[in-house]
N, C-alpha and C. Protein backbone atom coordinates (compact mmCIF):
# COMPACT_ATOMS: atom_id res chain seq x y z
N MET A 1 9.63 8.03 11.27
CA MET A 1 8.95 6.95 10.59
C MET A 1 7.84 6.43 11.49
N GLU A 2 6.66 6.31 10.92
CA GLU A 2 5.50 5.77 11.64
C GLU A 2 5.60 4.25 11.70
N ILE A 3 5.11 3.65 12.77
CA ILE A 3 5.07 2.20 12.91
C ILE A 3 3.62 1.75 12.96
N LEU A 4 3.28 0.77 12.12
CA LEU A 4 1.93 0.20 12.11
C LEU A 4 2.03 -1.30 12.33
N ASN A 5 1.22 -1.81 13.24
CA ASN A 5 1.13 -3.24 13.50
C ASN A 5 -0.14 -3.78 12.88
N LEU A 6 -0.01 -4.82 12.05
CA LEU A 6 -1.15 -5.42 11.38
C LEU A 6 -1.15 -6.92 11.64
N GLU A 7 -2.33 -7.46 11.90
CA GLU A 7 -2.46 -8.90 12.02
C GLU A 7 -3.67 -9.33 11.20
N PHE A 8 -3.44 -10.27 10.30
CA PHE A 8 -4.50 -10.77 9.44
C PHE A 8 -4.98 -12.11 9.97
N GLU A 9 -6.26 -12.18 10.29
CA GLU A 9 -6.84 -13.40 10.86
C GLU A 9 -7.07 -14.47 9.80
N THR A 10 -7.49 -14.05 8.60
CA THR A 10 -7.84 -15.01 7.56
C THR A 10 -7.18 -14.65 6.24
N GLU A 11 -7.13 -15.63 5.33
CA GLU A 11 -6.61 -15.38 3.99
C GLU A 11 -7.48 -14.36 3.26
N ARG A 12 -8.78 -14.40 3.48
CA ARG A 12 -9.68 -13.44 2.82
C ARG A 12 -9.38 -12.01 3.27
N ASP A 13 -9.12 -11.81 4.56
CA ASP A 13 -8.75 -10.48 5.06
C ASP A 13 -7.48 -9.99 4.37
N LEU A 14 -6.51 -10.88 4.24
CA LEU A 14 -5.25 -10.53 3.58
C LEU A 14 -5.48 -10.21 2.11
N TYR A 15 -6.27 -11.03 1.44
CA TYR A 15 -6.59 -10.80 0.03
C TYR A 15 -7.22 -9.42 -0.17
N GLN A 16 -8.16 -9.07 0.69
CA GLN A 16 -8.85 -7.79 0.54
C GLN A 16 -7.92 -6.60 0.75
N SER A 17 -6.85 -6.77 1.51
CA SER A 17 -5.94 -5.67 1.79
C SER A 17 -4.72 -5.62 0.87
N TYR A 18 -4.38 -6.74 0.26
CA TYR A 18 -3.17 -6.81 -0.56
C TYR A 18 -3.34 -5.98 -1.83
N MET A 19 -2.26 -5.29 -2.25
CA MET A 19 -2.28 -4.44 -3.44
C MET A 19 -1.25 -4.98 -4.45
N PRO A 20 -1.61 -6.03 -5.22
CA PRO A 20 -0.64 -6.66 -6.13
C PRO A 20 -0.26 -5.79 -7.32
N PHE A 21 -1.06 -4.77 -7.61
CA PHE A 21 -0.79 -3.92 -8.76
C PHE A 21 0.35 -2.94 -8.53
N LEU A 22 0.85 -2.83 -7.28
CA LEU A 22 2.02 -2.00 -7.01
C LEU A 22 3.27 -2.79 -7.38
N LYS A 23 4.26 -2.10 -7.90
CA LYS A 23 5.46 -2.75 -8.44
C LYS A 23 6.07 -3.78 -7.49
N GLN A 24 6.24 -3.42 -6.22
CA GLN A 24 6.83 -4.35 -5.25
C GLN A 24 5.80 -4.88 -4.26
N GLY A 25 4.53 -4.65 -4.56
CA GLY A 25 3.46 -5.09 -3.67
C GLY A 25 3.14 -4.02 -2.65
N GLY A 26 2.04 -4.22 -1.95
CA GLY A 26 1.64 -3.25 -0.93
C GLY A 26 0.43 -3.75 -0.17
N ILE A 27 0.06 -3.00 0.84
CA ILE A 27 -1.05 -3.35 1.73
C ILE A 27 -1.92 -2.11 1.95
N PHE A 28 -3.24 -2.32 1.92
CA PHE A 28 -4.18 -1.27 2.28
C PHE A 28 -4.54 -1.46 3.75
N VAL A 29 -4.49 -0.36 4.50
CA VAL A 29 -4.78 -0.39 5.94
C VAL A 29 -5.98 0.50 6.21
N LYS A 30 -7.04 -0.08 6.77
CA LYS A 30 -8.21 0.73 7.14
C LYS A 30 -7.84 1.62 8.32
N THR A 31 -8.05 2.91 8.15
CA THR A 31 -7.80 3.86 9.23
C THR A 31 -8.49 5.18 8.91
N THR A 32 -8.90 5.88 9.95
CA THR A 32 -9.43 7.24 9.78
C THR A 32 -8.39 8.27 10.20
N ASP A 33 -7.21 7.80 10.62
CA ASP A 33 -6.12 8.72 10.98
C ASP A 33 -5.63 9.43 9.73
N PHE A 34 -5.11 10.64 9.90
CA PHE A 34 -4.62 11.43 8.77
C PHE A 34 -3.15 11.12 8.52
N PHE A 35 -2.81 10.87 7.26
CA PHE A 35 -1.44 10.66 6.83
C PHE A 35 -1.21 11.44 5.55
N ASP A 36 0.04 11.78 5.28
CA ASP A 36 0.41 12.43 4.03
C ASP A 36 0.97 11.40 3.07
N LEU A 37 0.73 11.62 1.77
CA LEU A 37 1.39 10.78 0.77
C LEU A 37 2.89 10.88 0.95
N GLY A 38 3.58 9.78 0.75
CA GLY A 38 5.03 9.76 0.87
C GLY A 38 5.56 9.50 2.27
N THR A 39 4.67 9.47 3.26
CA THR A 39 5.11 9.20 4.63
C THR A 39 5.73 7.80 4.70
N GLU A 40 6.89 7.71 5.35
CA GLU A 40 7.54 6.41 5.51
C GLU A 40 6.90 5.65 6.66
N ILE A 41 6.68 4.37 6.43
CA ILE A 41 6.00 3.51 7.40
C ILE A 41 6.83 2.25 7.63
N LEU A 42 6.90 1.83 8.87
CA LEU A 42 7.45 0.52 9.19
C LEU A 42 6.27 -0.37 9.55
N LEU A 43 6.03 -1.39 8.73
CA LEU A 43 4.93 -2.31 8.95
C LEU A 43 5.44 -3.53 9.71
N GLU A 44 4.72 -3.90 10.74
CA GLU A 44 4.96 -5.18 11.41
C GLU A 44 3.71 -6.00 11.16
N ILE A 45 3.85 -7.00 10.29
CA ILE A 45 2.70 -7.75 9.79
C ILE A 45 2.75 -9.20 10.26
N VAL A 46 1.60 -9.69 10.72
CA VAL A 46 1.46 -11.10 11.06
C VAL A 46 0.44 -11.70 10.08
N LEU A 47 0.87 -12.70 9.33
CA LEU A 47 0.00 -13.38 8.38
C LEU A 47 -0.87 -14.41 9.09
N PRO A 48 -1.97 -14.84 8.44
CA PRO A 48 -2.78 -15.91 9.03
C PRO A 48 -1.91 -17.14 9.31
N ASP A 49 -2.08 -17.72 10.46
CA ASP A 49 -1.36 -18.93 10.88
C ASP A 49 0.14 -18.72 11.10
N ALA A 50 0.64 -17.48 11.07
CA ALA A 50 2.06 -17.23 11.32
C ALA A 50 2.30 -17.13 12.82
N LEU A 51 3.50 -17.49 13.23
CA LEU A 51 3.85 -17.44 14.64
C LEU A 51 4.53 -16.13 15.02
N GLU A 52 5.11 -15.46 14.04
CA GLU A 52 5.77 -14.19 14.34
C GLU A 52 5.55 -13.20 13.21
N SER A 53 5.85 -11.94 13.50
CA SER A 53 5.61 -10.89 12.52
C SER A 53 6.84 -10.71 11.62
N ALA A 54 6.62 -10.04 10.52
CA ALA A 54 7.69 -9.65 9.60
C ALA A 54 7.67 -8.14 9.51
N GLU A 55 8.83 -7.55 9.28
CA GLU A 55 8.93 -6.10 9.14
C GLU A 55 9.17 -5.74 7.68
N ILE A 56 8.41 -4.76 7.22
CA ILE A 56 8.56 -4.24 5.87
C ILE A 56 8.54 -2.72 5.95
N LYS A 57 9.48 -2.09 5.27
CA LYS A 57 9.45 -0.62 5.17
C LYS A 57 8.67 -0.26 3.91
N GLY A 58 7.87 0.78 4.03
CA GLY A 58 7.07 1.22 2.90
C GLY A 58 6.80 2.70 2.94
N THR A 59 6.10 3.17 1.93
CA THR A 59 5.68 4.57 1.87
C THR A 59 4.20 4.61 1.50
N ILE A 60 3.53 5.62 2.00
CA ILE A 60 2.11 5.79 1.69
C ILE A 60 1.98 6.30 0.26
N CYS A 61 1.22 5.55 -0.55
CA CYS A 61 1.05 5.89 -1.96
C CYS A 61 -0.42 6.03 -2.35
N TRP A 62 -1.32 5.83 -1.39
CA TRP A 62 -2.75 5.79 -1.70
C TRP A 62 -3.50 6.31 -0.48
N LEU A 63 -4.45 7.18 -0.70
CA LEU A 63 -5.30 7.69 0.39
C LEU A 63 -6.76 7.53 -0.01
N THR A 64 -7.54 6.94 0.88
CA THR A 64 -8.99 6.89 0.70
C THR A 64 -9.58 7.63 1.89
N PRO A 65 -10.14 8.81 1.65
CA PRO A 65 -10.67 9.61 2.76
C PRO A 65 -12.00 9.06 3.29
N PRO A 66 -12.34 9.43 4.51
CA PRO A 66 -13.67 9.05 5.03
C PRO A 66 -14.76 9.57 4.09
N GLY A 67 -15.80 8.80 3.89
CA GLY A 67 -16.92 9.22 3.04
C GLY A 67 -16.67 9.01 1.56
N ALA A 68 -15.71 8.17 1.20
CA ALA A 68 -15.42 7.91 -0.21
C ALA A 68 -16.61 7.23 -0.89
N GLN A 69 -16.64 7.29 -2.22
CA GLN A 69 -17.73 6.71 -2.99
C GLN A 69 -17.82 5.20 -2.78
N ASN A 70 -18.98 4.68 -3.04
CA ASN A 70 -19.26 3.24 -3.01
C ASN A 70 -19.04 2.60 -1.65
N GLY A 71 -19.01 3.38 -0.60
CA GLY A 71 -18.86 2.83 0.74
C GLY A 71 -17.49 2.24 1.02
N THR A 72 -16.50 2.60 0.21
CA THR A 72 -15.14 2.12 0.44
C THR A 72 -14.64 2.66 1.76
N PRO A 73 -14.03 1.81 2.60
CA PRO A 73 -13.57 2.29 3.91
C PRO A 73 -12.38 3.25 3.78
N ALA A 74 -12.31 4.17 4.72
CA ALA A 74 -11.18 5.10 4.76
C ALA A 74 -9.91 4.33 5.06
N GLY A 75 -8.80 4.78 4.50
CA GLY A 75 -7.54 4.12 4.79
C GLY A 75 -6.40 4.61 3.93
N ILE A 76 -5.29 3.89 4.06
CA ILE A 76 -4.06 4.24 3.33
C ILE A 76 -3.51 3.00 2.63
N GLY A 77 -2.91 3.22 1.48
CA GLY A 77 -2.19 2.16 0.78
C GLY A 77 -0.71 2.37 0.99
N ILE A 78 -0.03 1.30 1.36
CA ILE A 78 1.40 1.38 1.64
C ILE A 78 2.13 0.52 0.63
N SER A 79 3.00 1.15 -0.14
CA SER A 79 3.81 0.46 -1.13
C SER A 79 5.07 -0.08 -0.45
N PHE A 80 5.37 -1.37 -0.65
CA PHE A 80 6.57 -1.95 -0.06
C PHE A 80 7.81 -1.34 -0.70
N VAL A 81 8.77 -0.95 0.14
CA VAL A 81 10.02 -0.38 -0.34
C VAL A 81 11.18 -1.32 -0.01
N GLU A 82 11.25 -1.74 1.24
CA GLU A 82 12.29 -2.69 1.66
C GLU A 82 11.59 -3.93 2.20
N ASP A 83 11.84 -5.04 1.53
CA ASP A 83 11.19 -6.31 1.86
C ASP A 83 12.27 -7.39 1.96
N PRO A 84 13.12 -7.32 2.99
CA PRO A 84 14.28 -8.21 3.06
C PRO A 84 13.93 -9.70 3.16
N ASP A 85 12.78 -10.03 3.69
CA ASP A 85 12.40 -11.44 3.83
C ASP A 85 11.51 -11.91 2.69
N ASN A 86 11.42 -11.09 1.62
CA ASN A 86 10.59 -11.41 0.47
C ASN A 86 9.16 -11.74 0.91
N PHE A 87 8.63 -10.87 1.74
CA PHE A 87 7.30 -11.05 2.32
C PHE A 87 6.21 -11.05 1.25
N ARG A 88 6.45 -10.29 0.19
CA ARG A 88 5.46 -10.26 -0.90
C ARG A 88 5.18 -11.67 -1.41
N ASN A 89 6.24 -12.48 -1.59
CA ASN A 89 6.04 -13.85 -2.06
C ASN A 89 5.26 -14.68 -1.06
N GLN A 90 5.51 -14.47 0.23
CA GLN A 90 4.76 -15.20 1.26
C GLN A 90 3.27 -14.85 1.19
N ILE A 91 2.99 -13.56 0.99
CA ILE A 91 1.60 -13.13 0.87
C ILE A 91 0.95 -13.79 -0.34
N GLU A 92 1.62 -13.72 -1.49
CA GLU A 92 1.03 -14.26 -2.72
C GLU A 92 0.85 -15.77 -2.66
N LYS A 93 1.73 -16.48 -1.99
CA LYS A 93 1.55 -17.92 -1.80
C LYS A 93 0.33 -18.19 -0.91
N GLY A 94 0.18 -17.37 0.13
CA GLY A 94 -0.93 -17.56 1.06
C GLY A 94 -2.29 -17.29 0.47
N ILE A 95 -2.35 -16.40 -0.51
CA ILE A 95 -3.64 -16.04 -1.11
C ILE A 95 -3.72 -16.44 -2.58
N ALA A 96 -2.86 -17.32 -3.02
CA ALA A 96 -2.77 -17.70 -4.44
C ALA A 96 -4.12 -18.06 -5.04
N ARG A 97 -4.91 -18.84 -4.32
CA ARG A 97 -6.19 -19.29 -4.88
C ARG A 97 -7.19 -18.14 -5.00
N LEU A 98 -6.93 -17.03 -4.33
CA LEU A 98 -7.85 -15.88 -4.38
C LEU A 98 -7.41 -14.79 -5.35
N LEU A 99 -6.16 -14.82 -5.84
CA LEU A 99 -5.63 -13.73 -6.64
C LEU A 99 -6.40 -13.48 -7.93
N ASN A 100 -6.96 -14.49 -8.54
CA ASN A 100 -7.73 -14.32 -9.77
C ASN A 100 -9.22 -14.17 -9.52
N CYS A 101 -9.57 -14.02 -8.26
CA CYS A 101 -10.96 -13.86 -7.85
C CYS A 101 -11.48 -12.49 -8.30
N SER A 102 -12.73 -12.41 -8.62
CA SER A 102 -13.32 -11.14 -9.05
C SER A 102 -13.95 -10.37 -7.87
N ASP A 103 -13.83 -10.90 -6.66
CA ASP A 103 -14.37 -10.21 -5.49
C ASP A 103 -13.66 -8.88 -5.31
N PRO A 104 -14.39 -7.84 -4.93
CA PRO A 104 -13.75 -6.53 -4.73
C PRO A 104 -12.80 -6.56 -3.53
N THR A 105 -11.78 -5.71 -3.63
CA THR A 105 -10.85 -5.55 -2.52
C THR A 105 -11.06 -4.18 -1.90
N LEU A 106 -10.30 -3.85 -0.90
CA LEU A 106 -10.46 -2.55 -0.24
C LEU A 106 -9.90 -1.39 -1.06
N SER A 107 -9.09 -1.71 -2.08
CA SER A 107 -8.49 -0.63 -2.87
C SER A 107 -8.96 -0.60 -4.32
N MET A 108 -9.56 -1.65 -4.80
CA MET A 108 -10.01 -1.68 -6.22
C MET A 108 -11.38 -2.30 -6.31
């Protein structure tokens, strides 16, 4: 299992990476590293203004290769699989005012 550490400085950064259209939620991670779909990932995520990280297990469900259309950054989408601390709700509360925003995100 791969381990990825993520720290979001602002709510806007989190909004741009969050993938609410996935059944249990997910996060897009900018990277040029190569991953396979289905790879299991352990995410250690620090939200804006949080004092400690949370761990979420996920799987890679989305790949954006380098050089994708519209200048979209290369990266991977990770679908949450095990979210024991209900981190998805914490994310959605933190970015609630941005969820209905029409600003583009890193995955859509």
